[in-house]
Each structure stands twice: as C-alpha cells, then as structure tokens.
Amino acid sequence: MADHESFDAIIIGAGIIGANIGFELSKAGYRTLNIDKLPAAGYGSTGNSCAIIRTHYSTWAGVAMAYEGLFYWKNWADYLETDDERGLAQFIYCGGVYLGDTDRYTDKVLPLFDEIGVPYEVWDMETLAERFPVFDFGSYSPPKRVEDDDFWAEPAEQLQTAVYSPAAGYVSDPQLSTHNLQRAAEAKGGEFRFNTEVTAIPSAEGRVTGVALADGTTIDAPIVVNVAGPHSFVINQLAGVADSMKIKTKALRHEVHHVPAPEGFDFEDNPSLVGDDDLGTYFRPEVGNHILVGSQDPDCDPQIWVSDPDDFAREVSSDQWENQVMRLARRLPTLGVPGDKKGVVDLYDVSDDWIPIYDRTDLDGFYVAIGTSGNQFKNASVAAYCMAQLIQQVEEGHDHDADPVTVVGIHIGLELNLGAYSRNREINRDSSFSVLG
C-alpha cells in the first residue's frame, strides 16, 4: 500500500449501511474505499441484526423512509445489478402483527399509514386466534420483570384488537446481504479493506483530508463518511466534531435470544413478525422452527451503556434471558423455557432520541450516517441513496443546514426531508425513545 493513496470518498465502516453508501457513491461516479477494522463486510453488529423489515414508526419521516426502503428489499436482485458468488440474501415477505398499546397505533401510527399509503388491517381477537392459536391474549401491560410479583398475576383484561400489515418481513442472512452490497459496489469500481483501523482524521483549513491508519499510512480523500455503527462516537471524536453536534450518539448493549417454537405449532409454515408492545418484546421465525425474541426496551429493563465499544460483555446474561424469554412464554404459554441459553449480544448505535443522524458536519467533507439504533437495517438502501444525494448537493455548494436537502423516493415518490435527520435538530418528542424508533 502506498503511503498516500487517494480516493474520492472514504467510508469508515462496512456494515449494511456503510457498504450500501459505498455502492451508491460508486454508482454516482465516486472512486470509493470502505475501511473496516473487522475481517469482513457485515461482520460486526450488522451480522447480529434481527434484520427485521417493517414500516411502523412514530414519525412521518420514519414511516415514509421505512416504506420506501421496503421496496429495495423486494427488488433486491434488480437493485444490486450484479451477482454474488455466495448467492443473494432472501427477503422473507411474511407480514407483521402488532399487539398492545392500541392507542399508540390508533392515535399515531395508523394515521401515518393512511397518509403514506402503507397497507394494514385491524384484526379482532377471533381473527388473531385463528392465525395464532397458541397465543394467550391476556393484557399484561405495562411490561414487568420476573422479580416483580405482578409479573405472575393473571391478566385482568384481554387484548381487544391487533394491527396487521403485510408490509413487513425479514432478511434471511444479514451478513450475506452486506456481502451482496460489497460485490455490487466493487462491480462499480468501489474498494474494500478489512482488518484496517482508522486512528486519526486529518484536516486542513476546515476540511477533512482523509484518514490515518494504525499501520502508519495515510489515505487522502476530500470526503469521509462516518458509518462506524457503535464506534461512531469514537470516530466523531477523532474528527473533532463530537462537541459541535447537538444530537449525540452512544453505544448500548443489547441481547436477542433463540428458543424452539411451541410444540404443535410450525412457526415456519405460519410466518409473521410479532411486535408485542403489551409485553415489551418482538419476535420472528428463525431457522429450524425456532423463534428469535428481542426487547422493545420497556421502561423496566435496565439500559447498559458501553463506554468502550471494543470491550463489553458478549455472553448471554442469565437475568436478561430469563426476563425476555419469560415474557415470550406469557404470550406463548406452551413455549417451555429451555435451560440452554442461546442468543447473541451486540451493541446498538443510539442517538439521543433514537432517530438516526444522516447529515454533514461542521468539518467540511466529513459526513455521518450514525445513531442507527438497532432499527435502521431495513433502511440501509434508502438511507444510502439519501446520503449520496446529500453529499453530492453539499459538495456542489448547497447549504444543507439552512435549506435541508429533500430527496424524492424512487419507489413511493414521496419527498424525504433530510432535515428530520439533522445533527442539530431538536430532540424529536414524537419518537418512541426505543428501538421502535
């Protein structure tokens, strides 16, 4: 490697969004380089993503971006415009059903669905019971931990309705989907380097000039994009922009668990995502007739913030396993709780209001696609398209801070105002302040 190689744009990170930005900028004619300290694309938090694709968010911008993003996954092969020797990740388009907190859906989400055009149905309990005969339909809200005596109380009420939307599913292999994007970017001239750590972000006269690496080399570029996931705040500190951003990011430890489906119920033959606001969980089918279950970050669950994203407890904890799986067992009473704890532990990249930051920074040429909160996997392609549009317009002299860039979605035709994702926005009080966004 030469001491001073030069690219048009360097993307720090090769997770799902970083690889996708590499693809979109390469398509736009930039000579790009994705750098990642890990050994392969999608090897970090992306690889441990639940890879859920759904459209229910708490804000207009969130719903619109997610619905636009859905169509990229539905047309994945056409979008990539290339083959991958490993094959292509599959989008399982199975729909999603959402239980509990019907006021939130009725007052906030469904009006957004109506305005944007997201299809949905309101199901009564008879319909839900026909679809999911193993479910218990008691209302246990608010979510509680197992050490709370009220956790074990019989429900005083039953759920009355549920919302179903066919506009949902999941991606079979999140790491493979990232490799697909790597191959797509490479087909357009993009490059990727792994096991490569950025240690400094040099600049001159108020503009980024490239990156310095742990091996002592420097790579020049007038554009650098921070897509470092849970390491995003570290990279911002290297660039000297962390203090100038009104909205900050930090890393949050999270667990998801794997359990066998209840006996007599083939979850693979009757697939659906389930968002259970009533118990504070979400779950979806997993291979081998298993269920993957995660937390919606209810108030009762402790949040474990991580100061060093390279040093955190990666083992499944007995405490969170018991709480998460027992909540699932309240909804699926024939589940059975296996003694063998299986799951994955990784980090979320969380902004102050759990809404991502897709923006420029006060350092010219230094851009961020960060704070992706564990819920932006689904939006990787639309977010990358928006970032490419934003970068091109800002580099041509557009004042994005004064007049936010708007992007028209190529699938649903709606205007996406990128000011909603500004680093200097006010905290969005419409947010769920959770992984739901």
Protein backbone atom coordinates (compact mmCIF):
# COMPACT_ATOMS: atom_id res chain seq x y z
CA MET A 1 0.00 0.00 0.00
CA ALA A 2 1.39 3.42 -0.95
CA ASP A 3 1.82 5.99 1.82
CA HIS A 4 -0.58 8.46 0.21
CA GLU A 5 -3.18 6.77 -1.88
CA SER A 6 -6.08 8.93 -2.97
CA PHE A 7 -9.82 8.28 -3.32
CA ASP A 8 -12.83 10.48 -3.96
CA ALA A 9 -14.59 9.23 -0.83
CA ILE A 10 -13.66 7.05 2.14
CA ILE A 11 -16.43 5.29 4.06
CA ILE A 12 -15.46 4.27 7.59
CA GLY A 13 -17.42 1.07 8.20
CA ALA A 14 -18.54 -1.87 6.08
CA GLY A 15 -21.74 -2.84 7.84
CA ILE A 16 -25.03 -2.85 5.98
CA ILE A 17 -25.30 0.96 5.73
CA GLY A 18 -21.60 1.59 5.12
CA ALA A 19 -21.42 -0.99 2.33
CA ASN A 20 -24.60 0.45 0.86
CA ILE A 21 -23.21 4.00 0.87
CA GLY A 22 -20.12 2.65 -0.88
CA PHE A 23 -22.41 1.17 -3.54
CA GLU A 24 -24.49 4.32 -4.01
CA LEU A 25 -21.48 6.65 -4.21
CA SER A 26 -19.73 4.26 -6.62
CA LYS A 27 -22.83 4.26 -8.81
CA ALA A 28 -22.72 8.06 -8.76
CA GLY A 29 -19.18 8.02 -10.16
CA TYR A 30 -17.08 8.42 -7.00
CA ARG A 31 -13.96 6.32 -6.51
CA THR A 32 -14.75 4.87 -3.08
CA LEU A 33 -12.95 2.96 -0.37
CA ASN A 34 -14.72 1.27 2.53
CA ILE A 35 -12.46 0.69 5.54
CA ASP A 36 -13.36 -1.62 8.42
CA LYS A 37 -11.34 -2.83 11.41
CA LEU A 38 -13.13 -6.20 11.27
CA PRO A 39 -12.26 -9.04 8.87
CA ALA A 40 -15.29 -8.91 6.54
CA ALA A 41 -18.29 -6.87 5.47
CA GLY A 42 -21.21 -7.09 7.88
CA TYR A 43 -19.05 -8.80 10.48
CA GLY A 44 -19.98 -6.53 13.39
CA SER A 45 -23.37 -5.53 14.74
CA THR A 46 -24.91 -5.98 11.27
CA GLY A 47 -24.21 -9.70 11.39
CA ASN A 48 -26.09 -9.96 14.68
CA SER A 49 -29.04 -7.90 13.48
CA CYS A 50 -32.52 -9.41 13.60
CA ALA A 51 -32.79 -7.99 10.05
CA ILE A 52 -36.45 -7.12 10.50
CA ILE A 53 -38.14 -5.11 7.77
CA ARG A 54 -41.24 -3.23 8.99
CA THR A 55 -42.86 0.14 8.49
CA HIS A 56 -44.37 1.17 11.84
CA TYR A 57 -42.51 4.13 13.27
CA SER A 58 -43.56 7.02 15.47
CA THR A 59 -42.89 9.82 12.97
CA TRP A 60 -43.92 10.63 9.40
CA ALA A 61 -40.28 10.64 8.30
CA GLY A 62 -39.70 7.25 9.92
CA VAL A 63 -42.69 5.58 8.28
CA ALA A 64 -42.01 7.14 4.87
CA MET A 65 -38.34 6.10 4.84
CA ALA A 66 -39.15 2.56 6.01
CA TYR A 67 -41.89 2.11 3.39
CA GLU A 68 -39.55 3.39 0.67
CA GLY A 69 -36.86 1.04 1.96
CA LEU A 70 -39.16 -1.98 1.80
CA PHE A 71 -39.16 -1.88 -1.99
CA TYR A 72 -35.40 -2.11 -2.23
CA TRP A 73 -35.59 -5.44 -0.41
CA LYS A 74 -38.48 -6.64 -2.56
CA ASN A 75 -36.38 -5.92 -5.67
CA TRP A 76 -33.00 -6.88 -4.20
CA ALA A 77 -31.50 -8.62 -7.24
CA ASP A 78 -32.51 -5.80 -9.60
CA TYR A 79 -31.14 -3.20 -7.19
CA LEU A 80 -27.73 -4.86 -6.90
CA GLU A 81 -27.25 -5.15 -10.67
CA THR A 82 -24.67 -7.89 -10.13
CA ASP A 83 -24.20 -11.45 -8.90
CA ASP A 84 -22.52 -12.69 -5.73
CA GLU A 85 -20.64 -15.99 -5.71
CA ARG A 86 -22.24 -16.70 -2.31
CA GLY A 87 -25.75 -16.16 -3.64
CA LEU A 88 -28.19 -13.42 -2.66
CA ALA A 89 -29.80 -12.87 0.71
CA GLN A 90 -33.52 -13.62 0.70
CA PHE A 91 -36.22 -11.23 1.86
CA ILE A 92 -38.96 -13.26 3.61
CA TYR A 93 -42.04 -11.14 2.96
CA CYS A 94 -44.27 -12.50 5.72
CA GLY A 95 -46.17 -9.52 7.16
CA GLY A 96 -46.30 -8.37 10.75
CA VAL A 97 -48.84 -8.27 13.54
CA TYR A 98 -48.64 -5.75 16.36
CA LEU A 99 -50.22 -6.28 19.77
CA GLY A 100 -50.92 -3.99 22.68
CA ASP A 101 -50.81 -0.21 23.11
CA THR A 102 -53.64 0.17 20.63
CA ASP A 103 -53.84 3.87 21.49
CA ARG A 104 -50.33 4.37 20.12
CA TYR A 105 -51.26 2.67 16.88
CA THR A 106 -54.70 4.30 16.62
CA ASP A 107 -53.54 7.81 17.51
CA LYS A 108 -50.08 7.89 15.97
CA VAL A 109 -49.09 5.05 13.63
CA LEU A 110 -52.25 4.30 11.68
CA PRO A 111 -52.85 7.93 10.64
CA LEU A 112 -49.30 7.90 9.27
CA PHE A 113 -50.02 4.64 7.45
CA ASP A 114 -53.13 6.23 5.93
CA GLU A 115 -51.26 9.35 4.83
CA ILE A 116 -48.31 7.50 3.34
CA GLY A 117 -50.25 4.57 1.89
CA VAL A 118 -48.95 1.66 3.97
CA PRO A 119 -51.46 -1.22 3.81
CA TYR A 120 -52.86 -2.59 7.07
CA GLU A 121 -55.83 -4.29 8.68
CA VAL A 122 -57.24 -4.05 12.20
CA TRP A 123 -57.88 -7.59 13.42
CA ASP A 124 -60.31 -8.67 16.10
CA MET A 125 -59.37 -11.43 18.51
CA GLU A 126 -61.23 -14.07 16.53
CA THR A 127 -59.04 -13.39 13.52
CA LEU A 128 -55.90 -13.31 15.62
CA ALA A 129 -56.79 -16.57 17.39
CA GLU A 130 -57.37 -18.27 14.05
CA ARG A 131 -53.96 -17.16 12.83
CA PHE A 132 -52.10 -17.80 16.09
CA PRO A 133 -53.91 -20.48 18.07
CA VAL A 134 -51.04 -20.92 20.54
CA PHE A 135 -51.20 -17.31 21.73
CA ASP A 136 -52.50 -16.23 25.11
CA PHE A 137 -54.41 -12.96 24.61
CA GLY A 138 -54.21 -11.58 28.11
CA SER A 139 -53.15 -7.97 28.55
CA TYR A 140 -50.09 -7.80 30.80
CA SER A 141 -49.20 -4.15 30.28
CA PRO A 142 -47.05 -2.47 31.36
CA PRO A 143 -44.11 -4.84 30.82
CA LYS A 144 -42.55 -6.07 34.07
CA ARG A 145 -39.55 -8.06 35.15
CA VAL A 146 -39.87 -11.54 36.60
CA GLU A 147 -38.73 -10.39 40.03
CA ASP A 148 -41.83 -8.19 40.19
CA ASP A 149 -44.65 -10.12 41.92
CA ASP A 150 -47.13 -8.56 39.48
CA PHE A 151 -45.36 -10.30 36.61
CA TRP A 152 -47.03 -13.57 37.65
CA ALA A 153 -50.52 -12.14 38.17
CA GLU A 154 -53.32 -13.33 35.92
CA PRO A 155 -54.39 -10.63 33.45
CA ALA A 156 -57.41 -8.57 34.49
CA GLU A 157 -58.20 -7.80 30.84
CA GLN A 158 -57.82 -9.34 27.42
CA LEU A 159 -56.39 -7.75 24.30
CA GLN A 160 -59.17 -6.49 22.07
CA THR A 161 -57.58 -5.83 18.68
CA ALA A 162 -54.33 -6.12 16.79
CA VAL A 163 -52.89 -4.36 13.76
CA TYR A 164 -51.69 -6.44 10.83
CA SER A 165 -49.64 -5.09 7.95
CA PRO A 166 -48.42 -7.17 5.02
CA ALA A 167 -45.63 -4.60 4.50
CA ALA A 168 -43.15 -6.44 6.70
CA GLY A 169 -40.72 -9.33 6.75
CA TYR A 170 -37.11 -10.16 7.49
CA VAL A 171 -33.86 -10.85 5.67
CA SER A 172 -32.59 -14.41 5.88
CA ASP A 173 -28.92 -13.59 6.36
CA PRO A 174 -27.89 -10.01 7.26
CA GLN A 175 -24.17 -10.68 6.82
CA LEU A 176 -24.77 -12.12 3.35
CA SER A 177 -26.85 -9.10 2.36
CA THR A 178 -23.87 -6.90 3.27
CA HIS A 179 -21.54 -9.07 1.21
CA ASN A 180 -24.01 -8.66 -1.66
CA LEU A 181 -23.60 -4.88 -1.36
CA GLN A 182 -19.82 -5.20 -1.23
CA ARG A 183 -19.86 -7.13 -4.51
CA ALA A 184 -22.28 -4.60 -6.01
CA ALA A 185 -20.01 -1.69 -5.01
CA GLU A 186 -16.93 -3.48 -6.33
CA ALA A 187 -18.70 -4.04 -9.65
CA LYS A 188 -18.97 -0.23 -9.88
CA GLY A 189 -15.30 0.29 -9.01
CA GLY A 190 -15.53 0.56 -5.21
CA GLU A 191 -12.83 -0.96 -2.99
CA PHE A 192 -12.96 -2.54 0.48
CA ARG A 193 -10.19 -3.03 3.02
CA PHE A 194 -10.62 -5.05 6.19
CA ASN A 195 -8.56 -5.51 9.36
CA THR A 196 -7.77 -1.83 8.89
CA GLU A 197 -8.19 0.62 11.76
CA VAL A 198 -8.59 4.38 11.45
CA THR A 199 -6.63 6.18 14.19
CA ALA A 200 -6.90 9.82 13.09
CA ILE A 201 -8.96 12.06 10.81
CA PRO A 202 -6.61 14.75 9.46
CA SER A 203 -7.93 18.06 8.16
CA ALA A 204 -6.64 21.35 6.81
CA GLU A 205 -8.30 24.77 6.62
CA GLY A 206 -11.60 23.43 7.92
CA ARG A 207 -11.85 20.47 5.55
CA VAL A 208 -11.18 16.78 6.02
CA THR A 209 -8.22 15.49 4.02
CA GLY A 210 -8.53 11.74 4.51
CA VAL A 211 -7.74 9.18 7.20
CA ALA A 212 -4.67 7.98 9.05
CA LEU A 213 -4.37 4.27 9.80
CA ALA A 214 -2.92 2.17 12.60
CA ASP A 215 -0.15 0.92 10.31
CA GLY A 216 1.15 4.48 9.94
CA THR A 217 -0.12 5.13 6.42
CA THR A 218 -2.45 7.92 5.32
CA ILE A 219 -5.11 7.76 2.64
CA ASP A 220 -6.22 11.03 1.08
CA ALA A 221 -9.82 11.89 0.26
CA PRO A 222 -11.85 15.13 0.23
CA ILE A 223 -14.89 13.21 1.52
CA VAL A 224 -15.00 10.92 4.56
CA VAL A 225 -18.24 9.31 5.79
CA ASN A 226 -18.57 8.02 9.35
CA VAL A 227 -20.71 4.86 9.24
CA ALA A 228 -18.94 3.16 12.12
CA GLY A 229 -22.03 1.93 13.98
CA PRO A 230 -21.39 1.61 17.72
CA HIS A 231 -17.96 3.15 17.16
CA SER A 232 -19.49 6.27 15.59
CA PHE A 233 -18.90 8.47 18.63
CA VAL A 234 -15.24 7.42 18.69
CA ILE A 235 -14.79 8.42 15.04
CA ASN A 236 -16.54 11.74 15.65
CA GLN A 237 -14.07 12.42 18.46
CA LEU A 238 -11.18 11.66 16.11
CA ALA A 239 -12.60 14.16 13.61
CA GLY A 240 -13.16 16.78 16.31
CA VAL A 241 -16.87 17.19 15.53
CA ALA A 242 -18.48 15.49 18.53
CA ASP A 243 -18.87 18.67 20.60
CA SER A 244 -20.35 20.66 17.72
CA MET A 245 -23.30 18.27 17.22
CA LYS A 246 -26.47 18.96 19.19
CA ILE A 247 -27.57 15.30 18.89
CA LYS A 248 -25.02 12.79 20.21
CA THR A 249 -24.63 9.03 19.89
CA LYS A 250 -23.50 6.32 22.27
CA ALA A 251 -23.33 2.52 22.39
CA LEU A 252 -25.98 0.37 24.13
CA ARG A 253 -25.55 -3.33 24.90
CA HIS A 254 -28.46 -5.49 23.71
CA GLU A 255 -29.39 -9.18 23.64
CA VAL A 256 -31.62 -11.29 21.42
CA HIS A 257 -32.43 -14.92 22.19
CA HIS A 258 -33.31 -18.08 20.29
CA VAL A 259 -35.83 -20.64 21.54
CA PRO A 260 -37.69 -23.58 19.96
CA ALA A 261 -41.24 -22.84 18.78
CA PRO A 262 -44.10 -24.29 20.91
CA GLU A 263 -44.84 -27.95 20.29
CA GLY A 264 -47.51 -28.45 17.65
CA PHE A 265 -47.07 -25.06 16.04
CA ASP A 266 -44.92 -24.75 12.95
CA PHE A 267 -43.84 -21.12 13.00
CA GLU A 268 -42.07 -21.56 9.67
CA ASP A 269 -45.33 -22.58 7.96
CA ASN A 270 -47.19 -19.68 9.56
CA PRO A 271 -44.54 -16.96 9.50
CA SER A 272 -45.05 -13.46 10.76
CA LEU A 273 -43.24 -10.81 12.68
CA VAL A 274 -44.87 -10.06 16.02
CA GLY A 275 -44.41 -6.77 17.83
CA ASP A 276 -45.78 -7.18 21.35
CA ASP A 277 -45.98 -3.75 22.96
CA ASP A 278 -48.04 -5.26 25.75
CA LEU A 279 -45.11 -7.40 26.96
CA GLY A 280 -42.26 -5.30 25.58
CA THR A 281 -40.94 -7.90 23.12
CA TYR A 282 -40.75 -8.60 19.42
CA PHE A 283 -40.22 -11.96 17.79
CA ARG A 284 -39.95 -13.61 14.40
CA PRO A 285 -39.36 -17.06 12.88
CA GLU A 286 -35.84 -18.44 12.85
CA VAL A 287 -34.46 -21.46 11.01
CA GLY A 288 -35.18 -24.90 12.43
CA ASN A 289 -38.67 -23.89 13.68
CA HIS A 290 -37.12 -21.63 16.28
CA ILE A 291 -38.13 -18.18 17.42
CA LEU A 292 -35.86 -15.16 17.71
CA VAL A 293 -37.03 -12.84 20.51
CA GLY A 294 -35.78 -9.37 21.40
CA SER A 295 -36.69 -6.49 23.68
CA GLN A 296 -38.56 -3.32 22.77
CA ASP A 297 -36.68 -1.53 25.55
CA PRO A 298 -39.55 -1.17 28.05
CA ASP A 299 -39.01 1.16 30.98
CA CYS A 300 -38.49 -1.74 33.39
CA ASP A 301 -35.40 -3.04 31.57
CA PRO A 302 -32.04 -1.56 32.62
CA GLN A 303 -30.01 0.10 29.89
CA ILE A 304 -26.36 -0.90 29.75
CA TRP A 305 -24.34 1.88 28.11
CA VAL A 306 -20.86 0.98 26.93
CA SER A 307 -18.00 3.49 27.05
CA ASP A 308 -15.60 1.29 25.06
CA PRO A 309 -17.31 -0.48 22.12
CA ASP A 310 -14.36 -2.88 21.91
CA ASP A 311 -14.82 -4.04 25.50
CA PHE A 312 -18.22 -5.26 26.67
CA ALA A 313 -19.76 -8.48 27.99
CA ARG A 314 -20.60 -10.63 24.97
CA GLU A 315 -22.10 -13.58 26.84
CA VAL A 316 -25.88 -14.03 27.15
CA SER A 317 -26.81 -12.95 30.67
CA SER A 318 -29.00 -15.21 32.80
CA ASP A 319 -31.01 -12.23 34.02
CA GLN A 320 -31.98 -10.83 30.63
CA TRP A 321 -32.50 -14.32 29.20
CA GLU A 322 -34.99 -15.15 31.94
CA ASN A 323 -36.87 -11.88 31.59
CA GLN A 324 -37.01 -11.84 27.81
CA VAL A 325 -37.92 -15.50 27.32
CA MET A 326 -40.44 -15.50 30.17
CA ARG A 327 -42.22 -12.53 28.60
CA LEU A 328 -42.41 -14.54 25.40
CA ALA A 329 -43.75 -17.50 27.39
CA ARG A 330 -46.59 -15.35 28.75
CA ARG A 331 -47.76 -14.86 25.15
CA LEU A 332 -46.91 -18.45 24.16
CA PRO A 333 -47.76 -20.47 27.30
CA THR A 334 -46.83 -23.81 25.73
CA LEU A 335 -43.40 -22.50 24.78
CA GLY A 336 -41.35 -24.09 27.52
CA VAL A 337 -38.19 -22.33 28.65
CA PRO A 338 -35.08 -24.28 27.64
CA GLY A 339 -32.23 -24.47 30.11
CA ASP A 340 -29.66 -23.94 27.37
CA LYS A 341 -29.40 -20.17 26.85
CA LYS A 342 -28.85 -19.33 23.19
CA GLY A 343 -28.67 -15.90 21.67
CA VAL A 344 -26.43 -13.09 20.52
CA VAL A 345 -25.15 -9.98 22.26
CA ASP A 346 -24.05 -6.85 20.46
CA LEU A 347 -24.28 -3.07 20.53
CA TYR A 348 -26.80 -0.56 19.27
CA ASP A 349 -25.63 2.82 17.99
CA VAL A 350 -28.15 5.09 19.71
CA SER A 351 -28.81 8.79 19.26
CA ASP A 352 -30.36 10.98 21.95
CA ASP A 353 -33.86 10.46 20.53
CA TRP A 354 -33.27 7.06 18.89
CA ILE A 355 -33.64 8.64 15.42
CA PRO A 356 -30.58 8.38 13.16
CA ILE A 357 -28.32 11.22 12.05
CA TYR A 358 -27.87 11.35 8.27
CA ASP A 359 -26.01 14.62 7.78
CA ARG A 360 -22.93 16.70 7.04
CA THR A 361 -20.87 18.08 9.93
CA ASP A 362 -19.10 21.31 10.79
CA LEU A 363 -15.94 19.82 9.29
CA ASP A 364 -16.36 20.25 5.53
CA GLY A 365 -16.30 16.94 3.67
CA PHE A 366 -16.94 14.89 6.82
CA TYR A 367 -20.38 13.25 6.81
CA VAL A 368 -22.20 10.97 9.23
CA ALA A 369 -24.71 8.13 8.91
CA ILE A 370 -24.92 7.20 12.58
CA GLY A 371 -27.25 6.67 15.54
CA THR A 372 -28.94 3.84 13.72
CA SER A 373 -30.40 2.49 16.95
CA GLY A 374 -30.77 -1.16 16.02
CA ASN A 375 -33.71 -0.26 13.76
CA GLN A 376 -32.14 1.04 10.55
CA PHE A 377 -31.01 -2.23 8.92
CA LYS A 378 -34.26 -2.10 6.95
CA ASN A 379 -33.45 1.42 5.71
CA ALA A 380 -29.89 0.75 4.56
CA SER A 381 -30.52 1.23 0.85
CA VAL A 382 -32.82 4.25 1.04
CA ALA A 383 -30.54 5.86 3.65
CA ALA A 384 -27.53 5.26 1.38
CA TYR A 385 -29.38 6.75 -1.58
CA CYS A 386 -30.27 9.81 0.52
CA MET A 387 -26.70 10.16 1.78
CA ALA A 388 -25.35 10.05 -1.78
CA GLN A 389 -27.80 12.76 -2.81
CA LEU A 390 -26.93 14.87 0.24
CA ILE A 391 -23.18 14.53 -0.32
CA GLN A 392 -23.43 15.46 -3.98
CA GLN A 393 -25.55 18.54 -3.29
CA VAL A 394 -23.43 19.77 -0.37
CA GLU A 395 -20.22 19.26 -2.35
CA GLU A 396 -21.77 21.37 -5.13
CA GLY A 397 -22.29 24.20 -2.64
CA HIS A 398 -25.81 23.64 -1.28
CA ASP A 399 -26.27 24.93 2.29
CA HIS A 400 -27.97 21.91 3.82
CA ASP A 401 -28.05 23.45 7.31
CA ALA A 402 -30.05 26.46 6.13
CA ASP A 403 -32.09 24.66 3.46
CA PRO A 404 -32.28 20.91 4.14
CA VAL A 405 -31.86 18.63 1.16
CA THR A 406 -35.02 16.80 0.11
CA VAL A 407 -34.92 13.52 -1.78
CA VAL A 408 -37.80 12.03 -3.74
CA GLY A 409 -38.13 8.31 -3.10
CA ILE A 410 -37.71 6.35 -6.32
CA HIS A 411 -40.32 3.78 -5.27
CA ILE A 412 -43.16 5.59 -3.48
CA GLY A 413 -42.50 9.05 -4.88
CA LEU A 414 -42.69 10.90 -1.56
CA GLU A 415 -40.35 13.71 -0.59
CA LEU A 416 -37.98 12.77 2.22
CA ASN A 417 -36.77 15.90 4.01
CA LEU A 418 -33.33 15.08 5.37
CA GLY A 419 -33.64 17.88 7.89
CA ALA A 420 -35.51 15.32 10.02
CA TYR A 421 -32.14 13.56 10.48
CA SER A 422 -30.05 16.67 11.19
CA ARG A 423 -27.26 16.55 13.75
CA ASN A 424 -28.54 19.88 15.07
CA ARG A 425 -32.27 19.11 15.26
CA GLU A 426 -34.23 19.48 18.44
CA ILE A 427 -34.90 16.16 20.15
CA ASN A 428 -37.95 14.69 18.42
CA ARG A 429 -40.58 14.19 21.12
CA ASP A 430 -42.70 12.09 18.75
CA SER A 431 -40.08 9.36 18.94
CA SER A 432 -40.76 6.21 20.92
CA PHE A 433 -37.30 6.67 22.52
CA SER A 434 -36.77 2.95 21.98
CA VAL A 435 -35.71 0.52 19.28
CA LEU A 436 -39.17 1.07 17.72
CA GLY A 437 -37.99 4.49 16.54
